[in-house]
């Protein structure tokens, strides 16, 4: 029996449906996808006796409308990774030569002590600049990704380096240009006349954008894709600029100059919203 929602669970228990059982065996729980993805999908997770048996889109009225009733295959089959026999369930310490595949299981207390001892001894011997904290927590959340770990290495006096190569440049550019201004509503895409997809592949990393792109182009919107690769989205674009890798800045400067010469820059918007 699949049960959706805590209210139904409580009513079934009150009616004696689960007489003799200590807990509900199977139920559908709603949650949000924790992956480092802009779609932030609403999920319906079927759990049977504490074990995930199915994951799909949450289609209830409270679901994120951007989920649009479907989720990516990565998350849909997430239970296979959770219960895979190859999954590492404990910290491992290498016990043989590099590449030998020899590891010994350890507790978190043991590995924390080992890591702390190595960092302490390295700083004592060679100074704090000898420890490079390359941090990327992906889906770890605000506290672990932007507060606790950076604060630790700052307190130790270690160098401050970019914490990810994934989207550092675009994040830095956004912060320097727009500050804390929120981004655009993705549903506005459907009403756009021109859409530029620059250096992104929505088919792989932003799947819920595709139906909006399709709706916009059906209405007559023009689609321009800037990407060295012939991606699936580039193949359906009105214009695909397959620039050489590393030349984005040249195209950006040239486009900005042309817009300025033609008086097409939204100066009032920039004055009101940029840093």
C-alpha atoms as a PDB file:
ATOM      1  CA  UNK A   1       0.000   0.000   0.000  1.00  0.00           C
ATOM      2  CA  UNK A   2       1.415   3.408  -0.986  1.00  0.00           C
ATOM      3  CA  UNK A   3       0.514   6.268   1.276  1.00  0.00           C
ATOM      4  CA  UNK A   4       1.067   9.891   0.318  1.00  0.00           C
ATOM      5  CA  UNK A   5       1.103  12.574   2.975  1.00  0.00           C
ATOM      6  CA  UNK A   6       1.314  12.445   6.751  1.00  0.00           C
ATOM      7  CA  UNK A   7      -2.428  13.101   7.155  1.00  0.00           C
ATOM      8  CA  UNK A   8      -3.326   9.866   5.361  1.00  0.00           C
ATOM      9  CA  UNK A   9      -0.764   7.990   7.443  1.00  0.00           C
ATOM     10  CA  UNK A  10      -2.226   9.305  10.673  1.00  0.00           C
ATOM     11  CA  UNK A  11      -5.806   8.514   9.605  1.00  0.00           C
ATOM     12  CA  UNK A  12      -4.854   4.973   8.596  1.00  0.00           C
ATOM     13  CA  UNK A  13      -3.170   4.388  11.934  1.00  0.00           C
ATOM     14  CA  UNK A  14      -6.208   5.733  13.769  1.00  0.00           C
ATOM     15  CA  UNK A  15      -8.494   3.425  11.777  1.00  0.00           C
ATOM     16  CA  UNK A  16      -6.441   0.394  12.762  1.00  0.00           C
ATOM     17  CA  UNK A  17      -5.192  -0.332   9.249  1.00  0.00           C
ATOM     18  CA  UNK A  18      -1.760  -1.074  10.677  1.00  0.00           C
ATOM     19  CA  UNK A  19      -2.922  -2.972  13.751  1.00  0.00           C
ATOM     20  CA  UNK A  20      -0.073  -5.007  15.164  1.00  0.00           C
ATOM     21  CA  UNK A  21       2.602  -3.019  13.315  1.00  0.00           C
ATOM     22  CA  UNK A  22       4.965  -0.654  15.082  1.00  0.00           C
ATOM     23  CA  UNK A  23       5.447   1.685  12.101  1.00  0.00           C
ATOM     24  CA  UNK A  24       4.112   2.465   8.664  1.00  0.00           C
ATOM     25  CA  UNK A  25       5.936   0.108   6.278  1.00  0.00           C
ATOM     26  CA  UNK A  26       5.481   2.007   3.010  1.00  0.00           C
ATOM     27  CA  UNK A  27       4.871   5.689   2.402  1.00  0.00           C
ATOM     28  CA  UNK A  28       5.612   8.496  -0.036  1.00  0.00           C
ATOM     29  CA  UNK A  29       7.536  11.417   1.387  1.00  0.00           C
ATOM     30  CA  UNK A  30       7.916  14.781  -0.305  1.00  0.00           C
ATOM     31  CA  UNK A  31      11.236  16.573  -0.275  1.00  0.00           C
ATOM     32  CA  UNK A  32      13.513  18.778  -2.386  1.00  0.00           C
ATOM     33  CA  UNK A  33      16.400  17.598  -4.518  1.00  0.00           C
ATOM     34  CA  UNK A  34      19.693  18.335  -2.715  1.00  0.00           C
ATOM     35  CA  UNK A  35      21.938  18.241  -5.783  1.00  0.00           C
ATOM     36  CA  UNK A  36      23.965  21.248  -6.890  1.00  0.00           C
ATOM     37  CA  UNK A  37      21.569  22.146  -9.701  1.00  0.00           C
ATOM     38  CA  UNK A  38      19.548  25.289 -10.490  1.00  0.00           C
ATOM     39  CA  UNK A  39      16.309  23.347 -11.015  1.00  0.00           C
ATOM     40  CA  UNK A  40      15.644  22.665  -7.281  1.00  0.00           C
ATOM     41  CA  UNK A  41      13.103  19.970  -8.072  1.00  0.00           C
ATOM     42  CA  UNK A  42      10.352  18.808  -5.746  1.00  0.00           C
ATOM     43  CA  UNK A  43      10.573  15.056  -5.190  1.00  0.00           C
ATOM     44  CA  UNK A  44       8.201  12.276  -4.150  1.00  0.00           C
ATOM     45  CA  UNK A  45      10.261   9.528  -2.507  1.00  0.00           C
ATOM     46  CA  UNK A  46       8.648   6.155  -1.872  1.00  0.00           C
ATOM     47  CA  UNK A  47      10.084   4.494   1.243  1.00  0.00           C
ATOM     48  CA  UNK A  48       9.371   0.907   2.239  1.00  0.00           C
ATOM     49  CA  UNK A  49      10.424  -0.109   5.744  1.00  0.00           C
ATOM     50  CA  UNK A  50      13.008   2.672   5.841  1.00  0.00           C
ATOM     51  CA  UNK A  51      14.425   1.843   2.399  1.00  0.00           C
ATOM     52  CA  UNK A  52      14.095   3.997  -0.746  1.00  0.00           C
ATOM     53  CA  UNK A  53      12.284   2.069  -3.467  1.00  0.00           C
ATOM     54  CA  UNK A  54      11.343   4.828  -5.914  1.00  0.00           C
ATOM     55  CA  UNK A  55      12.014   8.502  -6.618  1.00  0.00           C
ATOM     56  CA  UNK A  56       9.943  10.655  -8.944  1.00  0.00           C
ATOM     57  CA  UNK A  57       8.672  14.194  -9.369  1.00  0.00           C
ATOM     58  CA  UNK A  58       6.290  15.595  -6.785  1.00  0.00           C
ATOM     59  CA  UNK A  59       3.152  16.578  -8.683  1.00  0.00           C
ATOM     60  CA  UNK A  60       1.196  17.990  -5.746  1.00  0.00           C
ATOM     61  CA  UNK A  61      -0.025  21.589  -5.617  1.00  0.00           C
ATOM     62  CA  UNK A  62       2.799  22.513  -3.241  1.00  0.00           C
ATOM     63  CA  UNK A  63       5.525  21.312  -5.604  1.00  0.00           C
ATOM     64  CA  UNK A  64       7.983  23.697  -7.217  1.00  0.00           C
ATOM     65  CA  UNK A  65       6.280  24.580 -10.527  1.00  0.00           C
ATOM     66  CA  UNK A  66       9.649  24.522 -12.290  1.00  0.00           C
ATOM     67  CA  UNK A  67       9.793  20.749 -11.715  1.00  0.00           C
ATOM     68  CA  UNK A  68       7.026  20.496 -14.347  1.00  0.00           C
ATOM     69  CA  UNK A  69       6.141  16.914 -13.402  1.00  0.00           C
ATOM     70  CA  UNK A  70       9.412  15.221 -14.319  1.00  0.00           C
ATOM     71  CA  UNK A  71      12.927  14.759 -12.939  1.00  0.00           C
ATOM     72  CA  UNK A  72      16.289  13.868 -14.447  1.00  0.00           C
ATOM     73  CA  UNK A  73      17.447  10.271 -14.793  1.00  0.00           C
ATOM     74  CA  UNK A  74      20.326  10.912 -12.386  1.00  0.00           C
ATOM     75  CA  UNK A  75      17.950  11.501  -9.483  1.00  0.00           C
ATOM     76  CA  UNK A  76      15.277   9.065 -10.664  1.00  0.00           C
ATOM     77  CA  UNK A  77      17.795   6.209 -10.211  1.00  0.00           C
ATOM     78  CA  UNK A  78      19.477   7.635  -7.116  1.00  0.00           C
ATOM     79  CA  UNK A  79      18.496   4.624  -5.011  1.00  0.00           C
ATOM     80  CA  UNK A  80      20.858   2.489  -7.104  1.00  0.00           C
ATOM     81  CA  UNK A  81      23.762   4.606  -5.873  1.00  0.00           C
ATOM     82  CA  UNK A  82      22.523   4.685  -2.289  1.00  0.00           C
ATOM     83  CA  UNK A  83      22.367   0.893  -2.073  1.00  0.00           C
ATOM     84  CA  UNK A  84      25.161   0.012  -4.523  1.00  0.00           C
ATOM     85  CA  UNK A  85      27.491  -2.681  -3.146  1.00  0.00           C
ATOM     86  CA  UNK A  86      30.471  -0.545  -4.204  1.00  0.00           C
ATOM     87  CA  UNK A  87      29.376   2.428  -2.098  1.00  0.00           C
ATOM     88  CA  UNK A  88      31.943   3.510   0.488  1.00  0.00           C
ATOM     89  CA  UNK A  89      30.198   3.606   3.878  1.00  0.00           C
ATOM     90  CA  UNK A  90      33.133   4.457   6.150  1.00  0.00           C
ATOM     91  CA  UNK A  91      36.271   6.598   5.913  1.00  0.00           C
ATOM     92  CA  UNK A  92      39.218   4.705   4.404  1.00  0.00           C
ATOM     93  CA  UNK A  93      42.934   5.179   5.095  1.00  0.00           C
ATOM     94  CA  UNK A  94      45.399   4.031   2.460  1.00  0.00           C
ATOM     95  CA  UNK A  95      47.406   1.122   3.859  1.00  0.00           C
ATOM     96  CA  UNK A  96      49.522   0.295   0.802  1.00  0.00           C
ATOM     97  CA  UNK A  97      51.384   2.034  -2.039  1.00  0.00           C
ATOM     98  CA  UNK A  98      49.522   4.587  -4.160  1.00  0.00           C
ATOM     99  CA  UNK A  99      47.471   2.851  -6.807  1.00  0.00           C
ATOM    100  CA  UNK A 100      47.493  -0.498  -5.033  1.00  0.00           C
ATOM    101  CA  UNK A 101      43.884  -0.158  -3.886  1.00  0.00           C
ATOM    102  CA  UNK A 102      44.790  -1.118  -0.338  1.00  0.00           C
ATOM    103  CA  UNK A 103      42.727   0.688   2.275  1.00  0.00           C
ATOM    104  CA  UNK A 104      41.779   0.154   5.894  1.00  0.00           C
ATOM    105  CA  UNK A 105      38.380   1.163   7.256  1.00  0.00           C
ATOM    106  CA  UNK A 106      38.518   3.821   9.970  1.00  0.00           C
ATOM    107  CA  UNK A 107      36.203   5.838  12.172  1.00  0.00           C
ATOM    108  CA  UNK A 108      35.533   9.524  11.666  1.00  0.00           C
ATOM    109  CA  UNK A 109      37.364  10.261  14.913  1.00  0.00           C
ATOM    110  CA  UNK A 110      40.456   8.458  13.591  1.00  0.00           C
ATOM    111  CA  UNK A 111      40.542  10.239  10.237  1.00  0.00           C
ATOM    112  CA  UNK A 112      39.821  13.633  11.800  1.00  0.00           C
ATOM    113  CA  UNK A 113      42.741  13.163  14.165  1.00  0.00           C
ATOM    114  CA  UNK A 114      44.975  12.022  11.285  1.00  0.00           C
ATOM    115  CA  UNK A 115      44.068  14.996   9.075  1.00  0.00           C
ATOM    116  CA  UNK A 116      44.465  17.481  11.927  1.00  0.00           C
ATOM    117  CA  UNK A 117      47.864  16.027  12.801  1.00  0.00           C
ATOM    118  CA  UNK A 118      49.077  16.253   9.184  1.00  0.00           C
ATOM    119  CA  UNK A 119      47.898  19.866   8.800  1.00  0.00           C
ATOM    120  CA  UNK A 120      49.454  20.829  12.146  1.00  0.00           C
ATOM    121  CA  UNK A 121      52.815  19.205  11.368  1.00  0.00           C
ATOM    122  CA  UNK A 122      52.920  20.688   7.847  1.00  0.00           C
ATOM    123  CA  UNK A 123      52.273  24.209   9.131  1.00  0.00           C
ATOM    124  CA  UNK A 124      54.868  23.738  11.877  1.00  0.00           C
ATOM    125  CA  UNK A 125      57.516  22.606   9.373  1.00  0.00           C
ATOM    126  CA  UNK A 126      56.764  24.788   6.334  1.00  0.00           C
ATOM    127  CA  UNK A 127      54.322  27.512   7.378  1.00  0.00           C
ATOM    128  CA  UNK A 128      50.607  28.031   6.615  1.00  0.00           C
ATOM    129  CA  UNK A 129      51.259  28.783   2.924  1.00  0.00           C
ATOM    130  CA  UNK A 130      52.203  25.135   2.448  1.00  0.00           C
ATOM    131  CA  UNK A 131      48.590  24.047   3.058  1.00  0.00           C
ATOM    132  CA  UNK A 132      46.277  24.750   0.138  1.00  0.00           C
ATOM    133  CA  UNK A 133      42.579  24.323   1.047  1.00  0.00           C
ATOM    134  CA  UNK A 134      40.902  23.320  -2.200  1.00  0.00           C
ATOM    135  CA  UNK A 135      37.295  23.120  -1.061  1.00  0.00           C
ATOM    136  CA  UNK A 136      34.139  22.242  -2.928  1.00  0.00           C
ATOM    137  CA  UNK A 137      31.153  20.849  -1.080  1.00  0.00           C
ATOM    138  CA  UNK A 138      28.728  20.956  -4.030  1.00  0.00           C
ATOM    139  CA  UNK A 139      25.484  20.049  -2.278  1.00  0.00           C
ATOM    140  CA  UNK A 140      26.875  20.438   1.231  1.00  0.00           C
ATOM    141  CA  UNK A 141      24.846  23.525   2.048  1.00  0.00           C
ATOM    142  CA  UNK A 142      25.673  27.058   3.147  1.00  0.00           C
ATOM    143  CA  UNK A 143      27.280  26.274   6.508  1.00  0.00           C
ATOM    144  CA  UNK A 144      29.714  23.652   5.259  1.00  0.00           C
ATOM    145  CA  UNK A 145      30.383  25.234   1.880  1.00  0.00           C
ATOM    146  CA  UNK A 146      30.592  28.925   2.704  1.00  0.00           C
ATOM    147  CA  UNK A 147      31.215  29.186   6.424  1.00  0.00           C
ATOM    148  CA  UNK A 148      32.736  26.413   8.510  1.00  0.00           C
ATOM    149  CA  UNK A 149      35.519  25.060   6.276  1.00  0.00           C
ATOM    150  CA  UNK A 150      36.643  28.460   4.884  1.00  0.00           C
ATOM    151  CA  UNK A 151      36.591  29.914   8.411  1.00  0.00           C
ATOM    152  CA  UNK A 152      38.799  27.079   9.670  1.00  0.00           C
ATOM    153  CA  UNK A 153      41.518  27.584   7.067  1.00  0.00           C
ATOM    154  CA  UNK A 154      41.303  31.364   7.400  1.00  0.00           C
ATOM    155  CA  UNK A 155      41.925  30.966  11.135  1.00  0.00           C
ATOM    156  CA  UNK A 156      44.944  28.786  10.347  1.00  0.00           C
ATOM    157  CA  UNK A 157      46.291  31.484   8.023  1.00  0.00           C
ATOM    158  CA  UNK A 158      46.240  29.287   4.912  1.00  0.00           C
ATOM    159  CA  UNK A 159      45.928  30.784   1.400  1.00  0.00           C
ATOM    160  CA  UNK A 160      42.465  31.668   0.149  1.00  0.00           C
ATOM    161  CA  UNK A 161      41.880  30.033  -3.226  1.00  0.00           C
ATOM    162  CA  UNK A 162      38.821  29.680  -5.403  1.00  0.00           C
ATOM    163  CA  UNK A 163      36.779  26.861  -3.918  1.00  0.00           C
ATOM    164  CA  UNK A 164      35.594  25.435  -7.229  1.00  0.00           C
ATOM    165  CA  UNK A 165      36.449  25.421 -10.901  1.00  0.00           C
ATOM    166  CA  UNK A 166      32.809  24.718 -11.734  1.00  0.00           C
ATOM    167  CA  UNK A 167      31.356  28.230 -11.869  1.00  0.00           C
ATOM    168  CA  UNK A 168      33.795  30.542 -10.105  1.00  0.00           C
ATOM    169  CA  UNK A 169      34.142  33.015 -12.955  1.00  0.00           C
ATOM    170  CA  UNK A 170      30.431  33.500 -13.558  1.00  0.00           C
ATOM    171  CA  UNK A 171      29.745  33.752  -9.802  1.00  0.00           C
ATOM    172  CA  UNK A 172      32.478  36.363  -9.347  1.00  0.00           C
ATOM    173  CA  UNK A 173      31.230  38.332 -12.358  1.00  0.00           C
ATOM    174  CA  UNK A 174      27.637  38.266 -11.088  1.00  0.00           C
ATOM    175  CA  UNK A 175      28.660  39.450  -7.608  1.00  0.00           C
ATOM    176  CA  UNK A 176      30.845  42.251  -8.983  1.00  0.00           C
ATOM    177  CA  UNK A 177      28.276  43.466 -11.503  1.00  0.00           C
ATOM    178  CA  UNK A 178      24.881  42.797  -9.907  1.00  0.00           C
ATOM    179  CA  UNK A 179      25.730  42.356  -6.230  1.00  0.00           C
ATOM    180  CA  UNK A 180      22.890  40.643  -4.396  1.00  0.00           C
ATOM    181  CA  UNK A 181      20.257  41.168  -7.104  1.00  0.00           C
ATOM    182  CA  UNK A 182      18.186  38.054  -7.784  1.00  0.00           C
ATOM    183  CA  UNK A 183      18.274  36.371 -11.177  1.00  0.00           C
ATOM    184  CA  UNK A 184      15.466  36.309 -13.726  1.00  0.00           C
ATOM    185  CA  UNK A 185      12.383  34.136 -13.383  1.00  0.00           C
ATOM    186  CA  UNK A 186      12.970  31.177 -15.744  1.00  0.00           C
ATOM    187  CA  UNK A 187       9.301  31.213 -16.755  1.00  0.00           C
ATOM    188  CA  UNK A 188       9.920  34.614 -18.367  1.00  0.00           C
ATOM    189  CA  UNK A 189      11.848  32.764 -21.078  1.00  0.00           C
ATOM    190  CA  UNK A 190       8.605  31.660 -22.693  1.00  0.00           C
ATOM    191  CA  UNK A 191       7.771  35.309 -23.393  1.00  0.00           C
ATOM    192  CA  UNK A 192      11.214  36.295 -24.677  1.00  0.00           C
ATOM    193  CA  UNK A 193      11.941  37.358 -28.225  1.00  0.00           C
ATOM    194  CA  UNK A 194      15.627  36.442 -28.102  1.00  0.00           C
ATOM    195  CA  UNK A 195      17.363  33.842 -25.911  1.00  0.00           C
ATOM    196  CA  UNK A 196      21.140  33.454 -25.697  1.00  0.00           C
ATOM    197  CA  UNK A 197      22.537  30.231 -24.225  1.00  0.00           C
ATOM    198  CA  UNK A 198      26.215  30.985 -23.663  1.00  0.00           C
ATOM    199  CA  UNK A 199      28.611  28.221 -22.600  1.00  0.00           C
ATOM    200  CA  UNK A 200      25.869  26.037 -21.155  1.00  0.00           C
ATOM    201  CA  UNK A 201      24.318  22.710 -22.077  1.00  0.00           C
ATOM    202  CA  UNK A 202      20.786  22.604 -20.622  1.00  0.00           C
ATOM    203  CA  UNK A 203      20.270  19.107 -22.004  1.00  0.00           C
ATOM    204  CA  UNK A 204      22.831  17.831 -19.487  1.00  0.00           C
ATOM    205  CA  UNK A 205      22.711  20.242 -16.565  1.00  0.00           C
ATOM    206  CA  UNK A 206      19.443  22.200 -16.650  1.00  0.00           C
ATOM    207  CA  UNK A 207      16.877  19.830 -18.156  1.00  0.00           C
ATOM    208  CA  UNK A 208      13.825  21.756 -16.974  1.00  0.00           C
ATOM    209  CA  UNK A 209      14.889  24.721 -19.083  1.00  0.00           C
ATOM    210  CA  UNK A 210      14.307  22.752 -22.293  1.00  0.00           C
ATOM    211  CA  UNK A 211      10.467  22.842 -22.273  1.00  0.00           C
ATOM    212  CA  UNK A 212      10.627  26.612 -21.766  1.00  0.00           C
ATOM    213  CA  UNK A 213      13.069  27.002 -24.661  1.00  0.00           C
ATOM    214  CA  UNK A 214      10.778  24.898 -26.830  1.00  0.00           C
ATOM    215  CA  UNK A 215       7.721  26.956 -25.898  1.00  0.00           C
ATOM    216  CA  UNK A 216       9.565  30.207 -26.579  1.00  0.00           C
ATOM    217  CA  UNK A 217      10.841  29.139 -29.995  1.00  0.00           C
ATOM    218  CA  UNK A 218       7.375  27.900 -30.975  1.00  0.00           C
ATOM    219  CA  UNK A 219       6.114  31.412 -30.218  1.00  0.00           C
ATOM    220  CA  UNK A 220       8.745  32.813 -32.562  1.00  0.00           C
ATOM    221  CA  UNK A 221      11.655  33.556 -30.228  1.00  0.00           C
ATOM    222  CA  UNK A 222      15.137  33.381 -31.758  1.00  0.00           C
ATOM    223  CA  UNK A 223      17.680  31.107 -30.071  1.00  0.00           C
ATOM    224  CA  UNK A 224      21.424  31.816 -30.160  1.00  0.00           C
ATOM    225  CA  UNK A 225      23.901  29.337 -28.685  1.00  0.00           C
ATOM    226  CA  UNK A 226      27.535  30.254 -27.984  1.00  0.00           C
ATOM    227  CA  UNK A 227      29.475  27.030 -27.510  1.00  0.00           C
ATOM    228  CA  UNK A 228      32.501  25.406 -29.169  1.00  0.00           C
ATOM    229  CA  UNK A 229      30.576  22.130 -29.122  1.00  0.00           C
ATOM    230  CA  UNK A 230      27.653  21.138 -31.306  1.00  0.00           C
ATOM    231  CA  UNK A 231      25.344  20.291 -28.422  1.00  0.00           C
ATOM    232  CA  UNK A 232      21.749  19.185 -28.864  1.00  0.00           C
ATOM    233  CA  UNK A 233      20.567  22.707 -27.999  1.00  0.00           C
ATOM    234  CA  UNK A 234      23.084  24.219 -30.422  1.00  0.00           C
ATOM    235  CA  UNK A 235      21.784  21.960 -33.174  1.00  0.00           C
ATOM    236  CA  UNK A 236      18.285  23.453 -32.858  1.00  0.00           C
ATOM    237  CA  UNK A 237      19.441  27.073 -32.540  1.00  0.00           C
ATOM    238  CA  UNK A 238      18.770  29.777 -35.113  1.00  0.00           C
ATOM    239  CA  UNK A 239      22.421  30.760 -34.758  1.00  0.00           C
ATOM    240  CA  UNK A 240      25.227  28.638 -33.338  1.00  0.00           C
ATOM    241  CA  UNK A 241      28.462  30.541 -32.711  1.00  0.00           C
ATOM    242  CA  UNK A 242      31.073  27.797 -32.382  1.00  0.00           C
ATOM    243  CA  UNK A 243      33.839  30.036 -31.087  1.00  0.00           C
ATOM    244  CA  UNK A 244      37.264  28.727 -30.186  1.00  0.00           C
ATOM    245  CA  UNK A 245      37.729  27.777 -26.513  1.00  0.00           C
ATOM    246  CA  UNK A 246      39.053  30.737 -24.523  1.00  0.00           C
ATOM    247  CA  UNK A 247      37.766  33.433 -26.877  1.00  0.00           C
ATOM    248  CA  UNK A 248      34.510  34.165 -25.019  1.00  0.00           C
ATOM    249  CA  UNK A 249      35.900  37.431 -23.660  1.00  0.00           C
ATOM    250  CA  UNK A 250      36.656  38.683 -27.183  1.00  0.00           C
ATOM    251  CA  UNK A 251      33.095  38.006 -28.309  1.00  0.00           C
ATOM    252  CA  UNK A 252      31.704  39.568 -25.123  1.00  0.00           C
ATOM    253  CA  UNK A 253      33.740  42.775 -25.564  1.00  0.00           C
ATOM    254  CA  UNK A 254      32.838  43.011 -29.250  1.00  0.00           C
ATOM    255  CA  UNK A 255      29.134  42.491 -28.539  1.00  0.00           C
ATOM    256  CA  UNK A 256      29.186  45.078 -25.746  1.00  0.00           C
ATOM    257  CA  UNK A 257      30.863  47.634 -27.986  1.00  0.00           C
ATOM    258  CA  UNK A 258      28.339  47.064 -30.760  1.00  0.00           C
ATOM    259  CA  UNK A 259      25.418  47.414 -28.347  1.00  0.00           C
ATOM    260  CA  UNK A 260      26.909  50.636 -27.000  1.00  0.00           C
ATOM    261  CA  UNK A 261      27.486  52.087 -30.483  1.00  0.00           C
ATOM    262  CA  UNK A 262      23.865  51.376 -31.428  1.00  0.00           C
ATOM    263  CA  UNK A 263      22.472  52.825 -28.191  1.00  0.00           C
ATOM    264  CA  UNK A 264      20.979  49.494 -27.120  1.00  0.00           C
ATOM    265  CA  UNK A 265      22.408  49.292 -23.594  1.00  0.00           C
ATOM    266  CA  UNK A 266      19.801  49.637 -20.830  1.00  0.00           C
ATOM    267  CA  UNK A 267      21.623  52.426 -19.017  1.00  0.00           C
ATOM    268  CA  UNK A 268      18.804  53.154 -16.549  1.00  0.00           C
ATOM    269  CA  UNK A 269      18.624  49.507 -15.507  1.00  0.00           C
ATOM    270  CA  UNK A 270      22.405  49.310 -15.101  1.00  0.00           C
ATOM    271  CA  UNK A 271      22.507  52.487 -13.046  1.00  0.00           C
ATOM    272  CA  UNK A 272      19.796  51.211 -10.718  1.00  0.00           C
ATOM    273  CA  UNK A 273      20.897  47.592 -10.326  1.00  0.00           C
ATOM    274  CA  UNK A 274      24.637  47.205 -10.854  1.00  0.00           C
ATOM    275  CA  UNK A 275      27.439  47.707  -8.363  1.00  0.00           C
END
